[in-house]
Amino acid sequence: MKRFAIVVSFGIASVGLMWATSASALTITGSVGGAPNGVNRVNFDNLTLGDYLNSPQTATGPNGSLTVELLQDAQIVQGSLSGKYAAPYLSGGNGTGFGTQPDGPDTTTYLTSGKDGGGDSTISLKFDAYLLYFGLLWGSIDDYNTLEFYSDNTLVDTVTGSMVTASPNSDQGVNGTLYVNINTSGAFNRVDVISTQYAFEFDNVAYSATAVPDGGLTAMLLGIGMLALGAVRRMVK
């Protein structure tokens, strides 16, 4: 049975949801903030705007690096282009640690998948190590956006927009962009980005060779535990 956790971070409120099937068990919580402390971060700001199809680029900064390979009609972009891509919307300080990124529409460089009707990869992110944690600022989440995690050529896990939010409806405002933290069920060294329609926009990738704590779930369980303890004490009295 595959088991992996998704932690969704945004700037408005904090919510929790447990969703499980026979194939996977997911824990989805929301909290103010973005990537956790102690992870590597890449903001794509060193990349030159354009498509660079099938010509791998090295993305760096602030304290990490990865290889970006653009396929189909994926691009390195800034701003928005009607009908093609929209800048992710930062909120709640979830750009912290990725350079100067105030709340509001992302004004820095980010990646957009373009469109592939066949469901093939449109962007491939490759790492020099095997990892267990991956985070990204996921803009205007759609149900046709997909992340696939690979250990070399073996598929480890798949995450879709509908697994991250109950309403993946392409909202280009504050409610449509989430910082998504993912602990996978097995180590991976490649993440493929797929979108069968325009588009899958993202920025601010974080990664780590170790899983990150699910702070939201831990806090929730601690709170439940304290309430239960209080109830027991009242019953004893």
Protein backbone atom coordinates (compact mmCIF):
# COMPACT_ATOMS: atom_id res chain seq x y z
CA MET A 1 0.00 0.00 0.00
CA LYS A 2 1.40 3.41 -0.97
CA ARG A 3 1.38 6.01 1.78
CA PHE A 4 2.30 9.64 1.37
CA ALA A 5 1.33 12.93 2.93
CA ILE A 6 0.37 16.19 1.28
CA VAL A 7 0.49 19.37 3.34
CA VAL A 8 -1.18 22.37 1.70
CA SER A 9 -0.08 25.78 2.99
CA PHE A 10 -1.87 29.03 2.26
CA GLY A 11 -2.34 32.41 3.85
CA ILE A 12 -6.00 32.70 4.76
CA ALA A 13 -6.87 29.98 7.25
CA SER A 14 -5.92 26.56 8.54
CA VAL A 15 -7.94 23.48 7.64
CA GLY A 16 -7.48 19.74 7.80
CA LEU A 17 -8.84 16.79 5.82
CA MET A 18 -8.14 13.07 5.95
CA TRP A 19 -8.73 11.28 2.66
CA ALA A 20 -7.98 7.62 2.15
CA THR A 21 -8.46 4.87 -0.43
CA SER A 22 -7.27 1.31 -0.72
CA ALA A 23 -4.37 2.51 -2.87
CA SER A 24 -3.14 5.40 -0.74
CA ALA A 25 -3.55 7.26 2.53
CA LEU A 26 -3.26 11.05 2.32
CA THR A 27 -3.13 13.64 5.06
CA ILE A 28 -3.95 17.15 3.82
CA THR A 29 -3.68 20.13 6.15
CA GLY A 30 -3.41 23.86 5.54
CA SER A 31 -1.48 26.45 7.50
CA VAL A 32 0.03 29.89 7.08
CA GLY A 33 3.47 29.67 5.49
CA GLY A 34 5.18 27.77 2.73
CA ALA A 35 8.15 25.41 2.70
CA PRO A 36 9.39 24.21 6.09
CA ASN A 37 12.74 25.13 7.59
CA GLY A 38 15.83 23.12 6.79
CA VAL A 39 15.02 22.21 3.17
CA ASN A 40 16.69 23.14 -0.11
CA ARG A 41 15.01 25.86 -2.16
CA VAL A 42 15.01 26.75 -5.87
CA ASN A 43 13.25 29.86 -7.21
CA PHE A 44 14.09 29.65 -10.97
CA ASP A 45 15.14 33.32 -11.02
CA ASN A 46 18.45 32.52 -12.74
CA LEU A 47 16.71 31.10 -15.82
CA THR A 48 16.31 33.07 -19.05
CA LEU A 49 12.76 33.47 -20.32
CA GLY A 50 11.80 31.22 -23.24
CA ASP A 51 10.96 27.63 -24.14
CA TYR A 52 14.37 25.88 -24.53
CA LEU A 53 12.60 22.69 -25.57
CA ASN A 54 14.68 19.54 -25.01
CA SER A 55 17.61 21.70 -23.84
CA PRO A 56 18.10 21.08 -20.09
CA GLN A 57 18.63 24.15 -17.91
CA THR A 58 20.12 24.29 -14.39
CA ALA A 59 17.91 26.18 -11.94
CA THR A 60 19.50 27.47 -8.75
CA GLY A 61 18.96 29.54 -5.62
CA PRO A 62 18.57 30.40 -2.92
CA ASN A 63 20.17 27.19 -1.53
CA GLY A 64 19.50 24.39 -3.99
CA SER A 65 19.70 23.34 -7.62
CA LEU A 66 17.94 21.05 -10.06
CA THR A 67 17.80 20.36 -13.79
CA VAL A 68 14.80 21.61 -15.73
CA GLU A 69 13.88 19.97 -19.03
CA LEU A 70 11.05 21.62 -20.96
CA LEU A 71 8.94 19.45 -23.27
CA GLN A 72 5.89 20.03 -25.48
CA ASP A 73 5.17 23.80 -25.27
CA ALA A 74 6.34 24.43 -21.70
CA GLN A 75 8.03 27.76 -21.01
CA ILE A 76 10.02 29.83 -18.52
CA VAL A 77 7.90 32.95 -18.03
CA GLN A 78 7.00 36.02 -16.01
CA GLY A 79 3.62 37.70 -15.64
CA SER A 80 0.49 36.35 -17.31
CA LEU A 81 -0.74 35.69 -20.83
CA SER A 82 -4.49 35.35 -21.35
CA GLY A 83 -5.52 31.81 -22.26
CA LYS A 84 -2.02 30.41 -21.75
CA TYR A 85 -0.70 31.02 -18.22
CA ALA A 86 -1.33 33.09 -15.08
CA ALA A 87 1.20 34.04 -12.43
CA PRO A 88 0.83 32.13 -9.13
CA TYR A 89 -0.59 34.25 -6.30
CA LEU A 90 1.48 34.45 -3.12
CA SER A 91 -0.27 34.88 0.23
CA GLY A 92 0.42 34.56 3.93
CA GLY A 93 4.14 35.06 3.37
CA ASN A 94 4.48 31.70 1.61
CA GLY A 95 7.26 33.14 -0.55
CA THR A 96 9.49 33.44 2.53
CA GLY A 97 12.93 31.93 1.98
CA PHE A 98 12.78 32.17 -1.80
CA GLY A 99 14.10 35.73 -2.21
CA THR A 100 12.12 38.97 -2.32
CA GLN A 101 8.58 37.77 -2.98
CA PRO A 102 5.83 39.85 -1.34
CA ASP A 103 2.23 38.70 -1.21
CA GLY A 104 0.30 39.21 -4.45
CA PRO A 105 0.76 37.97 -8.03
CA ASP A 106 4.19 36.39 -8.54
CA THR A 107 6.40 38.93 -10.33
CA THR A 108 9.43 36.65 -10.53
CA THR A 109 10.36 33.91 -13.01
CA TYR A 110 8.29 30.71 -12.86
CA LEU A 111 7.50 27.65 -15.01
CA THR A 112 4.37 26.89 -17.01
CA SER A 113 3.61 23.50 -18.50
CA GLY A 114 1.75 24.61 -21.58
CA LYS A 115 -0.63 21.94 -22.86
CA ASP A 116 -0.35 18.32 -23.89
CA GLY A 117 -3.52 16.53 -24.92
CA GLY A 118 -1.88 13.11 -24.73
CA GLY A 119 -1.11 13.30 -21.00
CA ASP A 120 2.65 13.17 -21.50
CA SER A 121 5.14 15.09 -19.37
CA THR A 122 5.51 18.76 -20.19
CA ILE A 123 8.24 19.62 -17.65
CA SER A 124 10.74 17.26 -16.06
CA LEU A 125 12.61 18.23 -12.86
CA LYS A 126 15.68 16.12 -12.15
CA PHE A 127 17.72 15.94 -8.96
CA ASP A 128 21.23 14.69 -8.15
CA ALA A 129 20.02 12.78 -5.09
CA TYR A 130 17.13 10.56 -4.02
CA LEU A 131 14.54 12.53 -2.10
CA LEU A 132 11.50 11.97 0.12
CA TYR A 133 10.10 15.51 0.29
CA PHE A 134 9.01 17.92 -2.45
CA GLY A 135 7.27 21.28 -2.18
CA LEU A 136 6.05 23.83 -4.71
CA LEU A 137 3.99 26.98 -5.07
CA TRP A 138 1.19 25.57 -7.24
CA GLY A 139 -0.71 28.26 -9.14
CA SER A 140 -4.38 28.21 -10.26
CA ILE A 141 -4.75 24.52 -9.43
CA ASP A 142 -6.68 22.44 -11.98
CA ASP A 143 -7.95 18.86 -11.86
CA TYR A 144 -5.98 18.18 -15.06
CA ASN A 145 -2.66 19.12 -13.38
CA THR A 146 -0.57 16.12 -12.34
CA LEU A 147 2.78 15.50 -10.64
CA GLU A 148 4.50 12.13 -11.15
CA PHE A 149 7.38 11.09 -8.91
CA TYR A 150 9.98 8.70 -10.32
CA SER A 151 12.91 6.76 -8.94
CA ASP A 152 14.92 6.67 -12.16
CA ASN A 153 12.26 5.23 -14.51
CA THR A 154 10.04 3.65 -11.84
CA LEU A 155 6.88 5.54 -10.87
CA VAL A 156 6.75 6.10 -7.10
CA ASP A 157 3.69 8.32 -6.57
CA THR A 158 1.20 10.49 -8.43
CA VAL A 159 -0.45 13.67 -7.14
CA THR A 160 -3.29 15.44 -9.00
CA GLY A 161 -4.91 18.82 -8.47
CA SER A 162 -8.10 17.20 -7.20
CA MET A 163 -6.09 15.45 -4.47
CA VAL A 164 -4.83 18.81 -3.22
CA THR A 165 -8.04 20.82 -3.11
CA ALA A 166 -11.71 19.98 -3.35
CA SER A 167 -12.27 22.75 -5.92
CA PRO A 168 -9.41 22.73 -8.47
CA ASN A 169 -11.15 25.28 -10.68
CA SER A 170 -8.32 27.38 -12.14
CA ASP A 171 -8.84 30.23 -9.67
CA GLN A 172 -6.10 32.74 -10.53
CA GLY A 173 -6.49 34.71 -7.29
CA VAL A 174 -5.49 34.20 -3.70
CA ASN A 175 -7.71 31.13 -3.23
CA GLY A 176 -6.35 29.30 -6.26
CA THR A 177 -2.64 29.12 -5.38
CA LEU A 178 -1.43 26.83 -2.59
CA TYR A 179 1.99 25.95 -1.28
CA VAL A 180 1.95 22.15 -1.40
CA ASN A 181 4.32 20.04 0.71
CA ILE A 182 4.54 16.36 -0.26
CA ASN A 183 6.20 13.48 1.58
CA THR A 184 6.35 10.52 -0.80
CA SER A 185 6.03 6.81 -0.05
CA GLY A 186 9.40 6.05 -1.65
CA ALA A 187 12.55 7.90 -2.70
CA PHE A 188 12.48 9.77 -6.01
CA ASN A 189 14.99 11.70 -8.12
CA ARG A 190 12.67 13.05 -10.84
CA VAL A 191 9.36 14.89 -10.83
CA ASP A 192 7.37 15.13 -14.07
CA VAL A 193 4.81 17.90 -14.49
CA ILE A 194 1.81 17.07 -16.68
CA SER A 195 -1.16 19.13 -17.81
CA THR A 196 -3.60 18.13 -20.53
CA GLN A 197 -4.89 21.70 -20.82
CA TYR A 198 -3.46 25.18 -20.24
CA ALA A 199 -1.76 25.20 -17.77
CA PHE A 200 0.22 24.02 -14.76
CA GLU A 201 2.07 27.05 -13.35
CA PHE A 202 4.47 26.74 -10.43
CA ASP A 203 7.39 28.38 -8.64
CA ASN A 204 9.50 28.04 -5.49
CA VAL A 205 10.37 24.35 -5.43
CA ALA A 206 11.70 22.90 -2.18
CA TYR A 207 13.20 19.45 -1.62
CA SER A 208 14.86 17.25 0.98
CA ALA A 209 16.30 13.76 1.27
CA THR A 210 14.27 13.29 4.44
CA ALA A 211 10.53 13.66 4.99
CA VAL A 212 9.40 16.86 6.70
CA PRO A 213 7.21 16.85 9.82
CA ASP A 214 3.50 17.28 9.24
CA GLY A 215 3.25 20.20 11.64
CA GLY A 216 -0.43 20.86 10.99
CA LEU A 217 -1.48 17.29 11.72
CA THR A 218 0.83 17.08 14.74
CA ALA A 219 -0.68 20.24 16.21
CA MET A 220 -4.19 18.98 15.53
CA LEU A 221 -3.53 15.63 17.21
CA LEU A 222 -1.87 17.37 20.15
CA GLY A 223 -4.92 19.60 20.55
CA ILE A 224 -7.26 16.61 20.45
CA GLY A 225 -5.08 14.85 23.00
CA MET A 226 -5.18 17.81 25.37
CA LEU A 227 -8.96 18.07 25.07
CA ALA A 228 -9.32 14.36 25.78
CA LEU A 229 -7.04 14.63 28.81
CA GLY A 230 -9.10 17.52 30.14
CA ALA A 231 -12.31 15.53 29.71
CA VAL A 232 -10.85 12.58 31.60
CA ARG A 233 -9.77 14.84 34.46
CA ARG A 234 -13.28 16.32 34.71
CA MET A 235 -14.78 12.82 34.78
CA VAL A 236 -12.40 11.80 37.58
CA LYS A 237 -13.41 14.81 39.64
